[in-house]
Amino acid sequence: MQPEMLRHADFSHFITGQSHAFFIRSQRVVMESFLRRQTSQSFHVASFLLVVFAQALLRRQKAMGS
């Protein structure tokens, strides 16, 4: 494997790891704030859409990385 290929694989792995960590953090924040103030339906829908979007993004990155 050439060094630049290795670097690229390393970088994409790092990005996936970073976004995964961010996804877990943001999911926890969304859940905590939702539990803290169980407010409107629209907030719940927005957080649900955020989670779905983040999961789709992760799946796309994994597919691109492999």
Protein backbone atom coordinates (compact mmCIF):
# COMPACT_ATOMS: atom_id res chain seq x y z
CA MET A 1 0.00 0.00 0.00
CA GLN A 2 1.39 3.39 -0.95
CA PRO A 3 1.94 5.95 1.83
CA GLU A 4 -0.64 8.36 0.40
CA MET A 5 -3.25 5.58 0.22
CA LEU A 6 -2.51 4.68 3.82
CA ARG A 7 -2.78 8.33 4.83
CA HIS A 8 -6.14 8.62 3.07
CA ALA A 9 -7.50 5.49 4.78
CA ASP A 10 -6.23 6.82 8.10
CA PHE A 11 -7.89 10.18 7.50
CA SER A 12 -11.27 8.73 6.50
CA HIS A 13 -11.16 6.45 9.55
CA PHE A 14 -10.42 9.47 11.73
CA ILE A 15 -13.31 11.45 10.19
CA THR A 16 -15.72 8.55 10.70
CA GLY A 17 -14.58 8.20 14.31
CA GLN A 18 -14.99 11.93 14.91
CA SER A 19 -18.47 12.09 13.40
CA HIS A 20 -19.49 8.98 15.32
CA ALA A 21 -18.33 10.54 18.60
CA PHE A 22 -20.13 13.76 17.69
CA PHE A 23 -23.27 11.80 16.82
CA ILE A 24 -23.29 10.02 20.19
CA ARG A 25 -22.68 13.32 22.01
CA SER A 26 -25.42 15.17 20.13
CA GLN A 27 -27.86 12.30 20.61
CA ARG A 28 -27.24 12.41 24.36
CA VAL A 29 -27.67 16.19 24.43
CA VAL A 30 -30.93 15.94 22.47
CA MET A 31 -32.28 13.25 24.79
CA GLU A 32 -31.29 15.16 27.93
CA SER A 33 -32.85 18.42 26.80
CA PHE A 34 -35.96 16.60 25.65
CA LEU A 35 -36.33 14.89 29.02
CA ARG A 36 -35.59 18.11 30.88
CA ARG A 37 -38.35 20.04 29.18
CA GLN A 38 -40.85 17.74 27.55
CA THR A 39 -42.17 20.54 25.41
CA SER A 40 -43.72 20.69 21.98
CA GLN A 41 -44.19 17.94 19.46
CA SER A 42 -42.19 19.96 16.95
CA PHE A 43 -39.05 19.78 19.10
CA HIS A 44 -39.41 16.01 19.26
CA VAL A 45 -39.84 15.78 15.49
CA ALA A 46 -36.82 18.03 14.92
CA SER A 47 -34.59 15.92 17.18
CA PHE A 48 -35.82 12.73 15.52
CA LEU A 49 -34.98 14.14 12.09
CA LEU A 50 -31.55 15.21 13.33
CA VAL A 51 -30.82 11.66 14.53
CA VAL A 52 -32.04 10.13 11.25
CA PHE A 53 -29.92 12.58 9.25
CA ALA A 54 -26.83 11.84 11.35
CA GLN A 55 -27.30 8.09 10.90
CA ALA A 56 -27.67 8.48 7.13
CA LEU A 57 -24.50 10.59 7.06
CA LEU A 58 -22.59 7.94 9.02
CA ARG A 59 -23.79 5.18 6.70
CA ARG A 60 -22.69 7.18 3.65
CA GLN A 61 -19.24 7.80 5.16
CA LYS A 62 -18.80 4.11 5.98
CA ALA A 63 -19.80 3.19 2.42
CA MET A 64 -17.33 5.71 1.00
CA GLY A 65 -14.58 4.57 3.36
CA SER A 66 -14.79 0.89 2.42
